PDB file of N, CA and C in Angstrom:
ATOM      1  N   MET A   1       7.342  -7.511  -6.196  1.00  0.00           N
ATOM      2  CA  MET A   1       7.814  -6.397  -5.429  1.00  0.00           C
ATOM      3  C   MET A   1       8.856  -6.864  -4.422  1.00  0.00           C
ATOM      4  N   ASP A   2       8.621  -7.983  -3.783  1.00  0.00           N
ATOM      5  CA  ASP A   2       9.567  -8.470  -2.785  1.00  0.00           C
ATOM      6  C   ASP A   2      10.914  -8.834  -3.389  1.00  0.00           C
ATOM      7  N   SER A   3      10.939  -9.084  -4.689  1.00  0.00           N
ATOM      8  CA  SER A   3      12.204  -9.454  -5.332  1.00  0.00           C
ATOM      9  C   SER A   3      13.129  -8.254  -5.524  1.00  0.00           C
ATOM     10  N   VAL A   4      12.606  -7.061  -5.341  1.00  0.00           N
ATOM     11  CA  VAL A   4      13.404  -5.848  -5.464  1.00  0.00           C
ATOM     12  C   VAL A   4      13.357  -5.133  -4.109  1.00  0.00           C
ATOM     13  N   PRO A   5      14.337  -5.396  -3.247  1.00  0.00           N
ATOM     14  CA  PRO A   5      14.305  -4.866  -1.875  1.00  0.00           C
ATOM     15  C   PRO A   5      14.130  -3.343  -1.786  1.00  0.00           C
ATOM     16  N   GLU A   6      14.727  -2.625  -2.713  1.00  0.00           N
ATOM     17  CA  GLU A   6      14.618  -1.166  -2.679  1.00  0.00           C
ATOM     18  C   GLU A   6      13.169  -0.722  -2.857  1.00  0.00           C
ATOM     19  N   LEU A   7      12.455  -1.367  -3.776  1.00  0.00           N
ATOM     20  CA  LEU A   7      11.047  -1.028  -3.984  1.00  0.00           C
ATOM     21  C   LEU A   7      10.223  -1.396  -2.762  1.00  0.00           C
ATOM     22  N   SER A   8      10.480  -2.569  -2.237  1.00  0.00           N
ATOM     23  CA  SER A   8       9.743  -3.043  -1.079  1.00  0.00           C
ATOM     24  C   SER A   8       9.930  -2.118   0.121  1.00  0.00           C
ATOM     25  N   ALA A   9      11.158  -1.698   0.363  1.00  0.00           N
ATOM     26  CA  ALA A   9      11.463  -0.852   1.520  1.00  0.00           C
ATOM     27  C   ALA A   9      10.845   0.531   1.399  1.00  0.00           C
ATOM     28  N   ALA A  10      10.851   1.078   0.205  1.00  0.00           N
ATOM     29  CA  ALA A  10      10.349   2.431   0.009  1.00  0.00           C
ATOM     30  C   ALA A  10       8.846   2.484  -0.235  1.00  0.00           C
ATOM     31  N   ALA A  11       8.240   1.377  -0.521  1.00  0.00           N
ATOM     32  CA  ALA A  11       6.843   1.347  -0.944  1.00  0.00           C
ATOM     33  C   ALA A  11       5.908   1.971   0.075  1.00  0.00           C
ATOM     34  N   HIS A  12       6.067   1.610   1.308  1.00  0.00           N
ATOM     35  CA  HIS A  12       5.108   2.095   2.298  1.00  0.00           C
ATOM     36  C   HIS A  12       5.125   3.618   2.401  1.00  0.00           C
ATOM     37  N   ARG A  13       6.261   4.195   2.680  1.00  0.00           N
ATOM     38  CA  ARG A  13       6.359   5.646   2.861  1.00  0.00           C
ATOM     39  C   ARG A  13       5.995   6.410   1.592  1.00  0.00           C
ATOM     40  N   ALA A  14       6.533   5.986   0.495  1.00  0.00           N
ATOM     41  CA  ALA A  14       6.352   6.718  -0.754  1.00  0.00           C
ATOM     42  C   ALA A  14       4.912   6.680  -1.249  1.00  0.00           C
ATOM     43  N   TYR A  15       4.209   5.602  -0.953  1.00  0.00           N
ATOM     44  CA  TYR A  15       2.880   5.430  -1.520  1.00  0.00           C
ATOM     45  C   TYR A  15       1.739   5.847  -0.597  1.00  0.00           C
ATOM     46  N   VAL A  16       2.042   6.305   0.615  1.00  0.00           N
ATOM     47  CA  VAL A  16       0.979   6.693   1.545  1.00  0.00           C
ATOM     48  C   VAL A  16       0.049   7.753   0.948  1.00  0.00           C
ATOM     49  N   PRO A  17       0.558   8.864   0.411  1.00  0.00           N
ATOM     50  CA  PRO A  17      -0.365   9.866  -0.147  1.00  0.00           C
ATOM     51  C   PRO A  17      -1.187   9.325  -1.317  1.00  0.00           C
ATOM     52  N   TRP A  18      -0.551   8.549  -2.162  1.00  0.00           N
ATOM     53  CA  TRP A  18      -1.247   7.972  -3.319  1.00  0.00           C
ATOM     54  C   TRP A  18      -2.331   7.009  -2.846  1.00  0.00           C
ATOM     55  N   ARG A  19      -1.998   6.154  -1.878  1.00  0.00           N
ATOM     56  CA  ARG A  19      -2.982   5.199  -1.344  1.00  0.00           C
ATOM     57  C   ARG A  19      -4.158   5.940  -0.711  1.00  0.00           C
ATOM     58  N   GLU A  20      -3.875   7.019   0.025  1.00  0.00           N
ATOM     59  CA  GLU A  20      -4.947   7.789   0.650  1.00  0.00           C
ATOM     60  C   GLU A  20      -5.879   8.388  -0.399  1.00  0.00           C
ATOM     61  N   LEU A  21      -5.317   8.854  -1.501  1.00  0.00           N
ATOM     62  CA  LEU A  21      -6.117   9.401  -2.590  1.00  0.00           C
ATOM     63  C   LEU A  21      -7.000   8.314  -3.211  1.00  0.00           C
ATOM     64  N   ILE A  22      -6.434   7.143  -3.425  1.00  0.00           N
ATOM     65  CA  ILE A  22      -7.206   6.040  -4.013  1.00  0.00           C
ATOM     66  C   ILE A  22      -8.315   5.598  -3.056  1.00  0.00           C
ATOM     67  N   VAL A  23      -8.004   5.501  -1.768  1.00  0.00           N
ATOM     68  CA  VAL A  23      -9.019   5.123  -0.774  1.00  0.00           C
ATOM     69  C   VAL A  23     -10.145   6.155  -0.768  1.00  0.00           C
ATOM     70  N   SER A  24      -9.792   7.422  -0.815  1.00  0.00           N
ATOM     71  CA  SER A  24     -10.797   8.482  -0.837  1.00  0.00           C
ATOM     72  C   SER A  24     -11.685   8.384  -2.073  1.00  0.00           C
ATOM     73  N   ARG A  25     -11.058   8.149  -3.211  1.00  0.00           N
ATOM     74  CA  ARG A  25     -11.811   8.013  -4.480  1.00  0.00           C
ATOM     75  C   ARG A  25     -12.720   6.789  -4.449  1.00  0.00           C
ATOM     76  N   ALA A  26     -12.205   5.668  -3.950  1.00  0.00           N
ATOM     77  CA  ALA A  26     -13.013   4.454  -3.855  1.00  0.00           C
ATOM     78  C   ALA A  26     -14.181   4.667  -2.901  1.00  0.00           C
ATOM     79  N   SER A  27     -13.950   5.382  -1.800  1.00  0.00           N
ATOM     80  CA  SER A  27     -15.015   5.686  -0.843  1.00  0.00           C
ATOM     81  C   SER A  27     -16.114   6.518  -1.497  1.00  0.00           C
ATOM     82  N   ALA A  28     -15.708   7.495  -2.298  1.00  0.00           N
ATOM     83  CA  ALA A  28     -16.684   8.355  -2.965  1.00  0.00           C
ATOM     84  C   ALA A  28     -17.480   7.589  -4.019  1.00  0.00           C
ATOM     85  N   CYS A  29     -16.810   6.680  -4.707  1.00  0.00           N
ATOM     86  CA  CYS A  29     -17.465   5.926  -5.780  1.00  0.00           C
ATOM     87  C   CYS A  29     -18.304   4.760  -5.250  1.00  0.00           C
ATOM     88  N   MET A  30     -17.890   4.227  -4.105  1.00  0.00           N
ATOM     89  CA  MET A  30     -18.583   3.070  -3.533  1.00  0.00           C
ATOM     90  C   MET A  30     -18.827   3.313  -2.042  1.00  0.00           C
ATOM     91  N   PRO A  31     -19.693   4.283  -1.724  1.00  0.00           N
ATOM     92  CA  PRO A  31     -19.875   4.651  -0.321  1.00  0.00           C
ATOM     93  C   PRO A  31     -20.428   3.528   0.552  1.00  0.00           C
ATOM     94  N   ASP A  32     -21.127   2.583  -0.037  1.00  0.00           N
ATOM     95  CA  ASP A  32     -21.699   1.491   0.751  1.00  0.00           C
ATOM     96  C   ASP A  32     -20.715   0.351   1.006  1.00  0.00           C
ATOM     97  N   ALA A  33     -19.599   0.369   0.320  1.00  0.00           N
ATOM     98  CA  ALA A  33     -18.599  -0.694   0.501  1.00  0.00           C
ATOM     99  C   ALA A  33     -17.868  -0.469   1.821  1.00  0.00           C
ATOM    100  N   PRO A  34     -17.487  -1.550   2.480  1.00  0.00           N
ATOM    101  CA  PRO A  34     -16.712  -1.405   3.716  1.00  0.00           C
ATOM    102  C   PRO A  34     -15.345  -0.773   3.442  1.00  0.00           C
ATOM    103  N   GLY A  35     -14.794  -0.146   4.457  1.00  0.00           N
ATOM    104  CA  GLY A  35     -13.487   0.471   4.340  1.00  0.00           C
ATOM    105  C   GLY A  35     -12.411  -0.509   3.899  1.00  0.00           C
ATOM    106  N   ALA A  36     -12.565  -1.757   4.300  1.00  0.00           N
ATOM    107  CA  ALA A  36     -11.585  -2.775   3.900  1.00  0.00           C
ATOM    108  C   ALA A  36     -11.550  -2.939   2.383  1.00  0.00           C
ATOM    109  N   VAL A  37     -12.682  -2.778   1.732  1.00  0.00           N
ATOM    110  CA  VAL A  37     -12.733  -2.876   0.266  1.00  0.00           C
ATOM    111  C   VAL A  37     -11.965  -1.707  -0.343  1.00  0.00           C
ATOM    112  N   HIS A  38     -12.152  -0.514   0.205  1.00  0.00           N
ATOM    113  CA  HIS A  38     -11.432   0.664  -0.297  1.00  0.00           C
ATOM    114  C   HIS A  38      -9.921   0.473  -0.125  1.00  0.00           C
ATOM    115  N   GLN A  39      -9.510  -0.063   1.006  1.00  0.00           N
ATOM    116  CA  GLN A  39      -8.095  -0.343   1.241  1.00  0.00           C
ATOM    117  C   GLN A  39      -7.576  -1.411   0.280  1.00  0.00           C
ATOM    118  N   ALA A  40      -8.395  -2.416   0.011  1.00  0.00           N
ATOM    119  CA  ALA A  40      -7.985  -3.484  -0.907  1.00  0.00           C
ATOM    120  C   ALA A  40      -7.772  -2.945  -2.323  1.00  0.00           C
ATOM    121  N   ILE A  41      -8.619  -2.019  -2.728  1.00  0.00           N
ATOM    122  CA  ILE A  41      -8.458  -1.407  -4.050  1.00  0.00           C
ATOM    123  C   ILE A  41      -7.138  -0.639  -4.110  1.00  0.00           C
ATOM    124  N   ALA A  42      -6.840   0.126  -3.062  1.00  0.00           N
ATOM    125  CA  ALA A  42      -5.573   0.855  -3.010  1.00  0.00           C
ATOM    126  C   ALA A  42      -4.397  -0.112  -3.030  1.00  0.00           C
ATOM    127  N   SER A  43      -4.523  -1.212  -2.318  1.00  0.00           N
ATOM    128  CA  SER A  43      -3.459  -2.225  -2.307  1.00  0.00           C
ATOM    129  C   SER A  43      -3.261  -2.821  -3.689  1.00  0.00           C
ATOM    130  N   ALA A  44      -4.360  -3.045  -4.389  1.00  0.00           N
ATOM    131  CA  ALA A  44      -4.258  -3.613  -5.736  1.00  0.00           C
ATOM    132  C   ALA A  44      -3.523  -2.662  -6.670  1.00  0.00           C
ATOM    133  N   TYR A  45      -3.841  -1.372  -6.602  1.00  0.00           N
ATOM    134  CA  TYR A  45      -3.141  -0.395  -7.437  1.00  0.00           C
ATOM    135  C   TYR A  45      -1.657  -0.354  -7.102  1.00  0.00           C
ATOM    136  N   GLN A  46      -1.344  -0.327  -5.814  1.00  0.00           N
ATOM    137  CA  GLN A  46       0.052  -0.268  -5.396  1.00  0.00           C
ATOM    138  C   GLN A  46       0.805  -1.511  -5.842  1.00  0.00           C
ATOM    139  N   THR A  47       0.221  -2.669  -5.634  1.00  0.00           N
ATOM    140  CA  THR A  47       0.882  -3.918  -6.007  1.00  0.00           C
ATOM    141  C   THR A  47       1.075  -4.010  -7.517  1.00  0.00           C
ATOM    142  N   ALA A  48       0.064  -3.622  -8.280  1.00  0.00           N
ATOM    143  CA  ALA A  48       0.181  -3.661  -9.740  1.00  0.00           C
ATOM    144  C   ALA A  48       1.288  -2.736 -10.219  1.00  0.00           C
ATOM    145  N   THR A  49       1.372  -1.557  -9.628  1.00  0.00           N
ATOM    146  CA  THR A  49       2.417  -0.605 -10.012  1.00  0.00           C
ATOM    147  C   THR A  49       3.802  -1.139  -9.695  1.00  0.00           C
ATOM    148  N   LEU A  50       3.983  -1.600  -8.470  1.00  0.00           N
ATOM    149  CA  LEU A  50       5.308  -2.076  -8.062  1.00  0.00           C
ATOM    150  C   LEU A  50       5.701  -3.353  -8.791  1.00  0.00           C
ATOM    151  N   THR A  51       4.745  -4.216  -9.057  1.00  0.00           N
ATOM    152  CA  THR A  51       5.041  -5.437  -9.807  1.00  0.00           C
ATOM    153  C   THR A  51       5.458  -5.099 -11.232  1.00  0.00           C
ATOM    154  N   ALA A  52       4.745  -4.160 -11.850  1.00  0.00           N
ATOM    155  CA  ALA A  52       5.114  -3.747 -13.211  1.00  0.00           C
ATOM    156  C   ALA A  52       6.507  -3.134 -13.223  1.00  0.00           C
ATOM    157  N   LEU A  53       6.831  -2.331 -12.204  1.00  0.00           N
ATOM    158  CA  LEU A  53       8.177  -1.746 -12.141  1.00  0.00           C
ATOM    159  C   LEU A  53       9.235  -2.823 -11.955  1.00  0.00           C
ATOM    160  N   ALA A  54       8.962  -3.785 -11.088  1.00  0.00           N
ATOM    161  CA  ALA A  54       9.925  -4.863 -10.852  1.00  0.00           C
ATOM    162  C   ALA A  54      10.119  -5.706 -12.107  1.00  0.00           C
ATOM    163  N   GLU A  55       9.031  -5.986 -12.811  1.00  0.00           N
ATOM    164  CA  GLU A  55       9.129  -6.798 -14.025  1.00  0.00           C
ATOM    165  C   GLU A  55       9.821  -6.052 -15.150  1.00  0.00           C
ATOM    166  N   SER A  56       9.764  -4.728 -15.109  1.00  0.00           N
ATOM    167  CA  SER A  56      10.368  -3.951 -16.189  1.00  0.00           C
ATOM    168  C   SER A  56      11.748  -3.430 -15.810  1.00  0.00           C
ATOM    169  N   GLU A  57      12.296  -3.875 -14.687  1.00  0.00           N
ATOM    170  CA  GLU A  57      13.587  -3.348 -14.236  1.00  0.00           C
ATOM    171  C   GLU A  57      14.704  -3.576 -15.247  1.00  0.00           C
ATOM    172  N   LEU A  58      14.555  -4.562 -16.098  1.00  0.00           N
ATOM    173  CA  LEU A  58      15.579  -4.826 -17.107  1.00  0.00           C
ATOM    174  C   LEU A  58      15.448  -3.904 -18.315  1.00  0.00           C
ATOM    175  N   LYS A  59      14.306  -3.233 -18.406  1.00  0.00           N
ATOM    176  CA  LYS A  59      14.116  -2.306 -19.512  1.00  0.00           C
ATOM    177  C   LYS A  59      14.921  -1.049 -19.216  1.00  0.00           C
ATOM    178  N   VAL A  60      15.662  -0.624 -20.189  1.00  0.00           N
ATOM    179  CA  VAL A  60      16.602   0.467 -19.980  1.00  0.00           C
ATOM    180  C   VAL A  60      15.900   1.820 -19.885  1.00  0.00           C
ATOM    181  N   SER A  61      14.954   2.055 -20.734  1.00  0.00           N
ATOM    182  CA  SER A  61      14.377   3.397 -20.792  1.00  0.00           C
ATOM    183  C   SER A  61      13.273   3.594 -19.756  1.00  0.00           C
ATOM    184  N   GLU A  62      13.216   4.811 -19.267  1.00  0.00           N
ATOM    185  CA  GLU A  62      12.148   5.175 -18.334  1.00  0.00           C
ATOM    186  C   GLU A  62      10.798   5.083 -19.029  1.00  0.00           C
ATOM    187  N   GLY A  63      10.758   5.404 -20.310  1.00  0.00           N
ATOM    188  CA  GLY A  63       9.514   5.319 -21.074  1.00  0.00           C
ATOM    189  C   GLY A  63       8.972   3.903 -21.126  1.00  0.00           C
ATOM    190  N   ALA A  64       9.863   2.920 -21.264  1.00  0.00           N
ATOM    191  CA  ALA A  64       9.430   1.517 -21.286  1.00  0.00           C
ATOM    192  C   ALA A  64       8.890   1.103 -19.925  1.00  0.00           C
ATOM    193  N   GLN A  65       9.514   1.586 -18.867  1.00  0.00           N
ATOM    194  CA  GLN A  65       9.019   1.281 -17.526  1.00  0.00           C
ATOM    195  C   GLN A  65       7.661   1.930 -17.299  1.00  0.00           C
ATOM    196  N   ARG A  66       7.519   3.168 -17.713  1.00  0.00           N
ATOM    197  CA  ARG A  66       6.244   3.872 -17.582  1.00  0.00           C
ATOM    198  C   ARG A  66       5.149   3.139 -18.350  1.00  0.00           C
ATOM    199  N   ALA A  67       5.477   2.675 -19.542  1.00  0.00           N
ATOM    200  CA  ALA A  67       4.500   1.951 -20.355  1.00  0.00           C
ATOM    201  C   ALA A  67       4.065   0.667 -19.654  1.00  0.00           C
ATOM    202  N   SER A  68       4.997  -0.025 -19.015  1.00  0.00           N
ATOM    203  CA  SER A  68       4.658  -1.248 -18.283  1.00  0.00           C
ATOM    204  C   SER A  68       3.683  -0.963 -17.155  1.00  0.00           C
ATOM    205  N   VAL A  69       3.919   0.125 -16.438  1.00  0.00           N
ATOM    206  CA  VAL A  69       3.025   0.506 -15.341  1.00  0.00           C
ATOM    207  C   VAL A  69       1.658   0.895 -15.889  1.00  0.00           C
ATOM    208  N   GLU A  70       1.625   1.661 -16.965  1.00  0.00           N
ATOM    209  CA  GLU A  70       0.350   2.081 -17.551  1.00  0.00           C
ATOM    210  C   GLU A  70      -0.486   0.889 -17.998  1.00  0.00           C
ATOM    211  N   VAL A  71       0.154  -0.100 -18.584  1.00  0.00           N
ATOM    212  CA  VAL A  71      -0.567  -1.304 -19.012  1.00  0.00           C
ATOM    213  C   VAL A  71      -1.141  -2.031 -17.798  1.00  0.00           C
ATOM    214  N   ALA A  72      -0.341  -2.191 -16.758  1.00  0.00           N
ATOM    215  CA  ALA A  72      -0.813  -2.876 -15.555  1.00  0.00           C
ATOM    216  C   ALA A  72      -1.989  -2.135 -14.929  1.00  0.00           C
ATOM    217  N   LEU A  73      -1.868  -0.817 -14.825  1.00  0.00           N
ATOM    218  CA  LEU A  73      -2.932  -0.041 -14.187  1.00  0.00           C
ATOM    219  C   LEU A  73      -4.181   0.073 -15.045  1.00  0.00           C
ATOM    220  N   SER A  74      -4.045  -0.067 -16.344  1.00  0.00           N
ATOM    221  CA  SER A  74      -5.228   0.020 -17.203  1.00  0.00           C
ATOM    222  C   SER A  74      -6.241  -1.070 -16.871  1.00  0.00           C
ATOM    223  N   TRP A  75      -5.749  -2.179 -16.345  1.00  0.00           N
ATOM    224  CA  TRP A  75      -6.651  -3.265 -15.951  1.00  0.00           C
ATOM    225  C   TRP A  75      -7.400  -2.951 -14.669  1.00  0.00           C
ATOM    226  N   LEU A  76      -6.942  -1.938 -13.941  1.00  0.00           N
ATOM    227  CA  LEU A  76      -7.598  -1.537 -12.698  1.00  0.00           C
ATOM    228  C   LEU A  76      -8.326  -0.207 -12.860  1.00  0.00           C
ATOM    229  N   ASP A  77      -8.739   0.108 -14.060  1.00  0.00           N
ATOM    230  CA  ASP A  77      -9.436   1.353 -14.357  1.00  0.00           C
ATOM    231  C   ASP A  77     -10.626   1.518 -13.412  1.00  0.00           C
ATOM    232  N   PRO A  78     -10.703   2.650 -12.698  1.00  0.00           N
ATOM    233  CA  PRO A  78     -11.823   2.854 -11.776  1.00  0.00           C
ATOM    234  C   PRO A  78     -13.183   2.767 -12.450  1.00  0.00           C
ATOM    235  N   ASN A  79     -13.269   3.062 -13.733  1.00  0.00           N
ATOM    236  CA  ASN A  79     -14.541   2.963 -14.429  1.00  0.00           C
ATOM    237  C   ASN A  79     -15.037   1.526 -14.504  1.00  0.00           C
ATOM    238  N   ARG A  80     -14.135   0.587 -14.335  1.00  0.00           N
ATOM    239  CA  ARG A  80     -14.533  -0.815 -14.318  1.00  0.00           C
ATOM    240  C   ARG A  80     -15.109  -1.197 -12.963  1.00  0.00           C
ATOM    241  N   LEU A  81     -14.879  -0.366 -11.956  1.00  0.00           N
ATOM    242  CA  LEU A  81     -15.329  -0.673 -10.606  1.00  0.00           C
ATOM    243  C   LEU A  81     -16.766  -0.209 -10.348  1.00  0.00           C
ATOM    244  N   SER A  82     -17.222   0.711 -11.133  1.00  0.00           N
ATOM    245  CA  SER A  82     -18.535   1.278 -10.901  1.00  0.00           C
ATOM    246  C   SER A  82     -19.140   1.711 -12.222  1.00  0.00           C
ATOM    247  N   SER A  83     -20.453   1.661 -12.303  1.00  0.00           N
ATOM    248  CA  SER A  83     -21.109   2.113 -13.530  1.00  0.00           C
ATOM    249  C   SER A  83     -21.324   3.624 -13.501  1.00  0.00           C
ATOM    250  N   SER A  84     -21.021   4.271 -12.388  1.00  0.00           N
ATOM    251  CA  SER A  84     -21.181   5.713 -12.263  1.00  0.00           C
ATOM    252  C   SER A  84     -20.190   6.438 -13.166  1.00  0.00           C
ATOM    253  N   SER A  85     -20.652   7.477 -13.827  1.00  0.00           N
ATOM    254  CA  SER A  85     -19.742   8.233 -14.698  1.00  0.00           C
ATOM    255  C   SER A  85     -18.783   9.092 -13.872  1.00  0.00           C
ATOM    256  N   ASP A  86     -19.043   9.233 -12.581  1.00  0.00           N
ATOM    257  CA  ASP A  86     -18.157  10.026 -11.713  1.00  0.00           C
ATOM    258  C   ASP A  86     -16.980   9.226 -11.198  1.00  0.00           C
ATOM    259  N   CYS A  87     -16.953   7.948 -11.444  1.00  0.00           N
ATOM    260  CA  CYS A  87     -15.903   7.107 -10.876  1.00  0.00           C
ATOM    261  C   CYS A  87     -14.986   6.565 -11.934  1.00  0.00           C
TER     262      CYS A  87
END
């Protein structure tokens, strides 16, 4: 992410609503976990997304970039975080 200044600069503002949603979801799925864990999960999603975008910047099509992000995020599937069917 740091290698692409535009992504780095915009990341904080653009991702605030998304991060808040992820923190809320993590809180609901893991209510006993400390808030720092919920924030770390949101950070992991954000970093994986931005890293996938940075790595795919040479790919011309938006579809190829989207596919790169989907692959990265599939490894962070919330169902892997909890055995609950609600998460």
